[in-house]
PDB file of N, CA and C in Angstrom:
ATOM      1  N   MET A   1     113.579 104.455  59.235  1.00  0.00           N
ATOM      2  CA  MET A   1     114.797 103.686  59.458  1.00  0.00           C
ATOM      3  C   MET A   1     116.018 104.570  59.204  1.00  0.00           C
ATOM      4  N   THR A   2     116.997 104.339  60.004  1.00  0.00           N
ATOM      5  CA  THR A   2     118.275 105.027  59.843  1.00  0.00           C
ATOM      6  C   THR A   2     119.339 103.991  59.554  1.00  0.00           C
ATOM      7  N   ARG A   3     120.247 104.322  58.690  1.00  0.00           N
ATOM      8  CA  ARG A   3     121.351 103.432  58.356  1.00  0.00           C
ATOM      9  C   ARG A   3     122.568 103.851  59.174  1.00  0.00           C
ATOM     10  N   PHE A   4     123.197 102.877  59.820  1.00  0.00           N
ATOM     11  CA  PHE A   4     124.373 103.139  60.652  1.00  0.00           C
ATOM     12  C   PHE A   4     125.576 102.372  60.121  1.00  0.00           C
ATOM     13  N   ALA A   5     126.704 103.071  60.031  1.00  0.00           N
ATOM     14  CA  ALA A   5     127.981 102.403  59.793  1.00  0.00           C
ATOM     15  C   ALA A   5     128.475 101.953  61.163  1.00  0.00           C
ATOM     16  N   VAL A   6     128.776 100.670  61.282  1.00  0.00           N
ATOM     17  CA  VAL A   6     129.137 100.090  62.569  1.00  0.00           C
ATOM     18  C   VAL A   6     130.578  99.593  62.517  1.00  0.00           C
ATOM     19  N   LEU A   7     131.314  99.884  63.576  1.00  0.00           N
ATOM     20  CA  LEU A   7     132.654  99.346  63.778  1.00  0.00           C
ATOM     21  C   LEU A   7     132.658  98.664  65.132  1.00  0.00           C
ATOM     22  N   VAL A   8     132.983  97.373  65.141  1.00  0.00           N
ATOM     23  CA  VAL A   8     133.129  96.616  66.385  1.00  0.00           C
ATOM     24  C   VAL A   8     134.597  96.228  66.494  1.00  0.00           C
ATOM     25  N   GLU A   9     135.256  96.714  67.548  1.00  0.00           N
ATOM     26  CA  GLU A   9     136.651  96.364  67.809  1.00  0.00           C
ATOM     27  C   GLU A   9     136.682  95.384  68.976  1.00  0.00           C
ATOM     28  N   VAL A  10     137.274  94.220  68.733  1.00  0.00           N
ATOM     29  CA  VAL A  10     137.323  93.153  69.727  1.00  0.00           C
ATOM     30  C   VAL A  10     138.766  92.996  70.200  1.00  0.00           C
ATOM     31  N   SER A  11     138.934  92.957  71.522  1.00  0.00           N
ATOM     32  CA  SER A  11     140.270  92.782  72.089  1.00  0.00           C
ATOM     33  C   SER A  11     140.198  91.818  73.264  1.00  0.00           C
ATOM     34  N   LEU A  12     141.331  91.195  73.538  1.00  0.00           N
ATOM     35  CA  LEU A  12     141.398  90.303  74.689  1.00  0.00           C
ATOM     36  C   LEU A  12     141.316  91.120  75.970  1.00  0.00           C
ATOM     37  N   ARG A  13     140.673  90.572  76.963  1.00  0.00           N
ATOM     38  CA  ARG A  13     140.578  91.253  78.258  1.00  0.00           C
ATOM     39  C   ARG A  13     141.962  91.340  78.891  1.00  0.00           C
ATOM     40  N   PRO A  14     142.181  92.335  79.744  1.00  0.00           N
ATOM     41  CA  PRO A  14     143.466  92.431  80.458  1.00  0.00           C
ATOM     42  C   PRO A  14     143.732  91.147  81.238  1.00  0.00           C
ATOM     43  N   GLY A  15     144.983  90.716  81.203  1.00  0.00           N
ATOM     44  CA  GLY A  15     145.372  89.511  81.922  1.00  0.00           C
ATOM     45  C   GLY A  15     145.266  88.239  81.108  1.00  0.00           C
ATOM     46  N   ILE A  16     144.620  88.292  79.947  1.00  0.00           N
ATOM     47  CA  ILE A  16     144.517  87.123  79.073  1.00  0.00           C
ATOM     48  C   ILE A  16     145.744  87.103  78.162  1.00  0.00           C
ATOM     49  N   ALA A  17     146.413  85.952  78.103  1.00  0.00           N
ATOM     50  CA  ALA A  17     147.610  85.819  77.262  1.00  0.00           C
ATOM     51  C   ALA A  17     147.267  86.121  75.805  1.00  0.00           C
ATOM     52  N   ASP A  18     148.172  86.820  75.138  1.00  0.00           N
ATOM     53  CA  ASP A  18     147.973  87.217  73.744  1.00  0.00           C
ATOM     54  C   ASP A  18     149.179  86.731  72.931  1.00  0.00           C
ATOM     55  N   PRO A  19     149.197  85.463  72.527  1.00  0.00           N
ATOM     56  CA  PRO A  19     150.366  84.954  71.800  1.00  0.00           C
ATOM     57  C   PRO A  19     150.598  85.649  70.466  1.00  0.00           C
ATOM     58  N   GLN A  20     149.558  86.071  69.785  1.00  0.00           N
ATOM     59  CA  GLN A  20     149.735  86.780  68.515  1.00  0.00           C
ATOM     60  C   GLN A  20     150.406  88.127  68.756  1.00  0.00           C
ATOM     61  N   GLY A  21     149.958  88.861  69.757  1.00  0.00           N
ATOM     62  CA  GLY A  21     150.590  90.134  70.093  1.00  0.00           C
ATOM     63  C   GLY A  21     152.038  89.948  70.512  1.00  0.00           C
ATOM     64  N   ALA A  22     152.318  88.897  71.286  1.00  0.00           N
ATOM     65  CA  ALA A  22     153.687  88.625  71.731  1.00  0.00           C
ATOM     66  C   ALA A  22     154.596  88.302  70.549  1.00  0.00           C
ATOM     67  N   THR A  23     154.101  87.541  69.590  1.00  0.00           N
ATOM     68  CA  THR A  23     154.895  87.203  68.402  1.00  0.00           C
ATOM     69  C   THR A  23     155.211  88.456  67.597  1.00  0.00           C
ATOM     70  N   ILE A  24     154.229  89.319  67.422  1.00  0.00           N
ATOM     71  CA  ILE A  24     154.448  90.573  66.702  1.00  0.00           C
ATOM     72  C   ILE A  24     155.482  91.419  67.441  1.00  0.00           C
ATOM     73  N   GLU A  25     155.340  91.521  68.749  1.00  0.00           N
ATOM     74  CA  GLU A  25     156.273  92.341  69.530  1.00  0.00           C
ATOM     75  C   GLU A  25     157.707  91.819  69.430  1.00  0.00           C
ATOM     76  N   ARG A  26     157.881  90.502  69.451  1.00  0.00           N
ATOM     77  CA  ARG A  26     159.233  89.926  69.326  1.00  0.00           C
ATOM     78  C   ARG A  26     159.842  90.195  67.955  1.00  0.00           C
ATOM     79  N   ALA A  27     159.019  90.301  66.912  1.00  0.00           N
ATOM     80  CA  ALA A  27     159.512  90.515  65.550  1.00  0.00           C
ATOM     81  C   ALA A  27     159.871  91.972  65.274  1.00  0.00           C
ATOM     82  N   LEU A  28     159.341  92.897  66.031  1.00  0.00           N
ATOM     83  CA  LEU A  28     159.518  94.323  65.735  1.00  0.00           C
ATOM     84  C   LEU A  28     160.970  94.787  65.706  1.00  0.00           C
ATOM     85  N   PRO A  29     161.825  94.418  66.680  1.00  0.00           N
ATOM     86  CA  PRO A  29     163.218  94.900  66.627  1.00  0.00           C
ATOM     87  C   PRO A  29     163.952  94.471  65.356  1.00  0.00           C
ATOM     88  N   ALA A  30     163.682  93.274  64.870  1.00  0.00           N
ATOM     89  CA  ALA A  30     164.342  92.803  63.649  1.00  0.00           C
ATOM     90  C   ALA A  30     163.902  93.615  62.428  1.00  0.00           C
ATOM     91  N   LEU A  31     162.754  94.253  62.532  1.00  0.00           N
ATOM     92  CA  LEU A  31     162.247  95.073  61.437  1.00  0.00           C
ATOM     93  C   LEU A  31     162.578  96.548  61.608  1.00  0.00           C
ATOM     94  N   GLY A  32     163.351  96.864  62.647  1.00  0.00           N
ATOM     95  CA  GLY A  32     163.785  98.233  62.861  1.00  0.00           C
ATOM     96  C   GLY A  32     162.873  99.065  63.750  1.00  0.00           C
ATOM     97  N   PHE A  33     161.921  98.442  64.390  1.00  0.00           N
ATOM     98  CA  PHE A  33     161.013  99.164  65.282  1.00  0.00           C
ATOM     99  C   PHE A  33     161.413  98.884  66.724  1.00  0.00           C
ATOM    100  N   GLN A  34     162.213  99.773  67.281  1.00  0.00           N
ATOM    101  CA  GLN A  34     162.812  99.543  68.596  1.00  0.00           C
ATOM    102  C   GLN A  34     161.975 100.087  69.756  1.00  0.00           C
ATOM    103  N   ARG A  35     161.112 101.042  69.515  1.00  0.00           N
ATOM    104  CA  ARG A  35     160.442 101.747  70.614  1.00  0.00           C
ATOM    105  C   ARG A  35     158.972 101.354  70.780  1.00  0.00           C
ATOM    106  N   ILE A  36     158.583 100.193  70.272  1.00  0.00           N
ATOM    107  CA  ILE A  36     157.199  99.737  70.402  1.00  0.00           C
ATOM    108  C   ILE A  36     157.146  98.610  71.418  1.00  0.00           C
ATOM    109  N   SER A  37     156.187  98.694  72.332  1.00  0.00           N
ATOM    110  CA  SER A  37     156.024  97.635  73.339  1.00  0.00           C
ATOM    111  C   SER A  37     154.543  97.464  73.670  1.00  0.00           C
ATOM    112  N   ALA A  38     154.257  96.468  74.484  1.00  0.00           N
ATOM    113  CA  ALA A  38     152.893  96.186  74.958  1.00  0.00           C
ATOM    114  C   ALA A  38     151.921  95.959  73.794  1.00  0.00           C
ATOM    115  N   VAL A  39     152.334  95.194  72.807  1.00  0.00           N
ATOM    116  CA  VAL A  39     151.511  94.927  71.630  1.00  0.00           C
ATOM    117  C   VAL A  39     150.389  93.960  72.008  1.00  0.00           C
ATOM    118  N   ARG A  40     149.180  94.305  71.631  1.00  0.00           N
ATOM    119  CA  ARG A  40     148.012  93.448  71.814  1.00  0.00           C
ATOM    120  C   ARG A  40     147.308  93.346  70.462  1.00  0.00           C
ATOM    121  N   ALA A  41     147.020  92.138  70.034  1.00  0.00           N
ATOM    122  CA  ALA A  41     146.321  91.925  68.769  1.00  0.00           C
ATOM    123  C   ALA A  41     144.819  91.888  69.023  1.00  0.00           C
ATOM    124  N   GLY A  42     144.053  92.170  68.013  1.00  0.00           N
ATOM    125  CA  GLY A  42     142.605  92.125  68.120  1.00  0.00           C
ATOM    126  C   GLY A  42     142.009  91.933  66.745  1.00  0.00           C
ATOM    127  N   LYS A  43     140.726  92.176  66.650  1.00  0.00           N
ATOM    128  CA  LYS A  43     140.053  92.067  65.359  1.00  0.00           C
ATOM    129  C   LYS A  43     138.992  93.151  65.267  1.00  0.00           C
ATOM    130  N   ALA A  44     138.638  93.488  64.050  1.00  0.00           N
ATOM    131  CA  ALA A  44     137.633  94.527  63.824  1.00  0.00           C
ATOM    132  C   ALA A  44     136.619  94.025  62.804  1.00  0.00           C
ATOM    133  N   PHE A  45     135.362  94.411  63.024  1.00  0.00           N
ATOM    134  CA  PHE A  45     134.284  94.089  62.103  1.00  0.00           C
ATOM    135  C   PHE A  45     133.621  95.400  61.706  1.00  0.00           C
ATOM    136  N   ARG A  46     133.400  95.579  60.405  1.00  0.00           N
ATOM    137  CA  ARG A  46     132.704  96.751  59.897  1.00  0.00           C
ATOM    138  C   ARG A  46     131.496  96.268  59.097  1.00  0.00           C
ATOM    139  N   PHE A  47     130.369  96.897  59.326  1.00  0.00           N
ATOM    140  CA  PHE A  47     129.176  96.550  58.576  1.00  0.00           C
ATOM    141  C   PHE A  47     128.169  97.696  58.662  1.00  0.00           C
ATOM    142  N   VAL A  48     127.101  97.597  57.876  1.00  0.00           N
ATOM    143  CA  VAL A  48     126.039  98.599  57.862  1.00  0.00           C
ATOM    144  C   VAL A  48     124.790  97.948  58.449  1.00  0.00           C
ATOM    145  N   LEU A  49     124.100  98.686  59.304  1.00  0.00           N
ATOM    146  CA  LEU A  49     122.896  98.193  59.976  1.00  0.00           C
ATOM    147  C   LEU A  49     121.776  99.209  59.816  1.00  0.00           C
ATOM    148  N   ASP A  50     120.603  98.747  59.423  1.00  0.00           N
ATOM    149  CA  ASP A  50     119.407  99.592  59.374  1.00  0.00           C
ATOM    150  C   ASP A  50     118.634  99.382  60.667  1.00  0.00           C
ATOM    151  N   ALA A  51     118.347 100.467  61.371  1.00  0.00           N
ATOM    152  CA  ALA A  51     117.627 100.385  62.644  1.00  0.00           C
ATOM    153  C   ALA A  51     116.750 101.617  62.821  1.00  0.00           C
ATOM    154  N   ALA A  52     115.778 101.514  63.708  1.00  0.00           N
ATOM    155  CA  ALA A  52     114.847 102.614  63.955  1.00  0.00           C
ATOM    156  C   ALA A  52     115.558 103.827  64.525  1.00  0.00           C
ATOM    157  N   ASP A  53     116.521 103.591  65.423  1.00  0.00           N
ATOM    158  CA  ASP A  53     117.259 104.683  66.054  1.00  0.00           C
ATOM    159  C   ASP A  53     118.569 104.139  66.609  1.00  0.00           C
ATOM    160  N   GLU A  54     119.382 105.037  67.164  1.00  0.00           N
ATOM    161  CA  GLU A  54     120.700 104.628  67.653  1.00  0.00           C
ATOM    162  C   GLU A  54     120.601 103.639  68.806  1.00  0.00           C
ATOM    163  N   GLU A  55     119.633 103.826  69.679  1.00  0.00           N
ATOM    164  CA  GLU A  55     119.493 102.921  70.824  1.00  0.00           C
ATOM    165  C   GLU A  55     119.185 101.492  70.373  1.00  0.00           C
ATOM    166  N   SER A  56     118.274 101.336  69.440  1.00  0.00           N
ATOM    167  CA  SER A  56     117.951  99.983  68.959  1.00  0.00           C
ATOM    168  C   SER A  56     119.109  99.398  68.156  1.00  0.00           C
ATOM    169  N   ALA A  57     119.838 100.242  67.430  1.00  0.00           N
ATOM    170  CA  ALA A  57     121.018  99.765  66.706  1.00  0.00           C
ATOM    171  C   ALA A  57     122.062  99.250  67.690  1.00  0.00           C
ATOM    172  N   ARG A  58     122.313 100.011  68.739  1.00  0.00           N
ATOM    173  CA  ARG A  58     123.303  99.605  69.741  1.00  0.00           C
ATOM    174  C   ARG A  58     122.884  98.304  70.430  1.00  0.00           C
ATOM    175  N   THR A  59     121.597  98.174  70.736  1.00  0.00           N
ATOM    176  CA  THR A  59     121.103  96.952  71.366  1.00  0.00           C
ATOM    177  C   THR A  59     121.333  95.746  70.467  1.00  0.00           C
ATOM    178  N   GLU A  60     121.038  95.892  69.183  1.00  0.00           N
ATOM    179  CA  GLU A  60     121.223  94.784  68.246  1.00  0.00           C
ATOM    180  C   GLU A  60     122.694  94.418  68.095  1.00  0.00           C
ATOM    181  N   VAL A  61     123.555  95.420  67.996  1.00  0.00           N
ATOM    182  CA  VAL A  61     124.990  95.150  67.861  1.00  0.00           C
ATOM    183  C   VAL A  61     125.529  94.504  69.132  1.00  0.00           C
ATOM    184  N   ASP A  62     125.084  94.947  70.294  1.00  0.00           N
ATOM    185  CA  ASP A  62     125.531  94.322  71.550  1.00  0.00           C
ATOM    186  C   ASP A  62     125.130  92.854  71.598  1.00  0.00           C
ATOM    187  N   GLN A  63     123.918  92.528  71.155  1.00  0.00           N
ATOM    188  CA  GLN A  63     123.494  91.129  71.109  1.00  0.00           C
ATOM    189  C   GLN A  63     124.347  90.330  70.131  1.00  0.00           C
ATOM    190  N   LEU A  64     124.645  90.921  68.973  1.00  0.00           N
ATOM    191  CA  LEU A  64     125.496  90.268  67.983  1.00  0.00           C
ATOM    192  C   LEU A  64     126.875  89.968  68.564  1.00  0.00           C
ATOM    193  N   CYS A  65     127.414  90.930  69.298  1.00  0.00           N
ATOM    194  CA  CYS A  65     128.732  90.723  69.920  1.00  0.00           C
ATOM    195  C   CYS A  65     128.696  89.561  70.901  1.00  0.00           C
ATOM    196  N   ARG A  66     127.692  89.543  71.761  1.00  0.00           N
ATOM    197  CA  ARG A  66     127.600  88.485  72.775  1.00  0.00           C
ATOM    198  C   ARG A  66     127.362  87.114  72.161  1.00  0.00           C
ATOM    199  N   ARG A  67     126.587  87.052  71.064  1.00  0.00           N
ATOM    200  CA  ARG A  67     126.199  85.761  70.503  1.00  0.00           C
ATOM    201  C   ARG A  67     127.147  85.225  69.443  1.00  0.00           C
ATOM    202  N   LEU A  68     127.919  86.118  68.784  1.00  0.00           N
ATOM    203  CA  LEU A  68     128.715  85.652  67.647  1.00  0.00           C
ATOM    204  C   LEU A  68     130.119  86.240  67.561  1.00  0.00           C
ATOM    205  N   LEU A  69     130.255  87.539  67.694  1.00  0.00           N
ATOM    206  CA  LEU A  69     131.527  88.186  67.374  1.00  0.00           C
ATOM    207  C   LEU A  69     132.584  88.076  68.466  1.00  0.00           C
ATOM    208  N   THR A  70     132.185  87.870  69.708  1.00  0.00           N
ATOM    209  CA  THR A  70     133.163  87.805  70.799  1.00  0.00           C
ATOM    210  C   THR A  70     132.938  86.575  71.660  1.00  0.00           C
ATOM    211  N   ASN A  71     133.978  86.222  72.373  1.00  0.00           N
ATOM    212  CA  ASN A  71     133.871  85.254  73.456  1.00  0.00           C
ATOM    213  C   ASN A  71     133.864  86.096  74.725  1.00  0.00           C
ATOM    214  N   PRO A  72     132.699  86.327  75.323  1.00  0.00           N
ATOM    215  CA  PRO A  72     132.622  87.272  76.441  1.00  0.00           C
ATOM    216  C   PRO A  72     133.418  86.863  77.671  1.00  0.00           C
ATOM    217  N   VAL A  73     133.882  85.631  77.723  1.00  0.00           N
ATOM    218  CA  VAL A  73     134.705  85.193  78.849  1.00  0.00           C
ATOM    219  C   VAL A  73     136.095  85.814  78.772  1.00  0.00           C
ATOM    220  N   ILE A  74     136.626  85.942  77.547  1.00  0.00           N
ATOM    221  CA  ILE A  74     138.015  86.416  77.411  1.00  0.00           C
ATOM    222  C   ILE A  74     138.163  87.679  76.570  1.00  0.00           C
ATOM    223  N   GLU A  75     137.080  88.146  75.929  1.00  0.00           N
ATOM    224  CA  GLU A  75     137.197  89.296  75.032  1.00  0.00           C
ATOM    225  C   GLU A  75     136.237  90.415  75.424  1.00  0.00           C
ATOM    226  N   ASP A  76     136.658  91.637  75.124  1.00  0.00           N
ATOM    227  CA  ASP A  76     135.827  92.829  75.260  1.00  0.00           C
ATOM    228  C   ASP A  76     135.576  93.383  73.868  1.00  0.00           C
ATOM    229  N   SER A  77     134.513  94.168  73.733  1.00  0.00           N
ATOM    230  CA  SER A  77     134.253  94.817  72.449  1.00  0.00           C
ATOM    231  C   SER A  77     133.932  96.290  72.676  1.00  0.00           C
ATOM    232  N   ALA A  78     134.330  97.076  71.699  1.00  0.00           N
ATOM    233  CA  ALA A  78     134.013  98.505  71.677  1.00  0.00           C
ATOM    234  C   ALA A  78     133.255  98.766  70.392  1.00  0.00           C
ATOM    235  N   VAL A  79     132.090  99.413  70.498  1.00  0.00           N
ATOM    236  CA  VAL A  79     131.222  99.626  69.346  1.00  0.00           C
ATOM    237  C   VAL A  79     131.162 101.114  69.019  1.00  0.00           C
ATOM    238  N   THR A  80     131.339 101.420  67.735  1.00  0.00           N
ATOM    239  CA  THR A  80     131.179 102.772  67.231  1.00  0.00           C
ATOM    240  C   THR A  80     130.064 102.751  66.187  1.00  0.00           C
ATOM    241  N   LEU A  81     129.093 103.636  66.367  1.00  0.00           N
ATOM    242  CA  LEU A  81     127.986 103.763  65.413  1.00  0.00           C
ATOM    243  C   LEU A  81     128.003 105.165  64.814  1.00  0.00           C
ATOM    244  N   GLU A  82     127.852 105.249  63.489  1.00  0.00           N
ATOM    245  CA  GLU A  82     127.750 106.545  62.843  1.00  0.00           C
ATOM    246  C   GLU A  82     126.611 106.508  61.840  1.00  0.00           C
ATOM    247  N   PRO A  83     125.644 107.420  61.978  1.00  0.00           N
ATOM    248  CA  PRO A  83     124.578 107.476  60.969  1.00  0.00           C
ATOM    249  C   PRO A  83     125.184 107.784  59.593  1.00  0.00           C
ATOM    250  N   THR A  84     124.653 107.140  58.582  1.00  0.00           N
ATOM    251  CA  THR A  84     125.138 107.393  57.220  1.00  0.00           C
ATOM    252  C   THR A  84     123.968 107.890  56.382  1.00  0.00           C
ATOM    253  N   PRO A  85     124.275 108.668  55.381  1.00  0.00           N
ATOM    254  CA  PRO A  85     123.199 109.181  54.516  1.00  0.00           C
ATOM    255  C   PRO A  85     122.611 108.086  53.641  1.00  0.00           C
TER     256      PRO A  85
END
């Protein structure tokens, strides 16, 4: 078994309204941040997974994303796996 540090970054698909990102973007000038635009909010999940190899780890994480961590109709996910000692 290999232990993997997993990072799943979830973001709204292009074209899906992002009210949280829009609210943050509207607040930025009042906080002195004038040159930031196109803000999109998302979420990240970090966890450790024990798996036989990277391929099986990726398969399990992809299933987890589809079944629990994302709404595949409106969200995309990016997965990063790193073996840990």
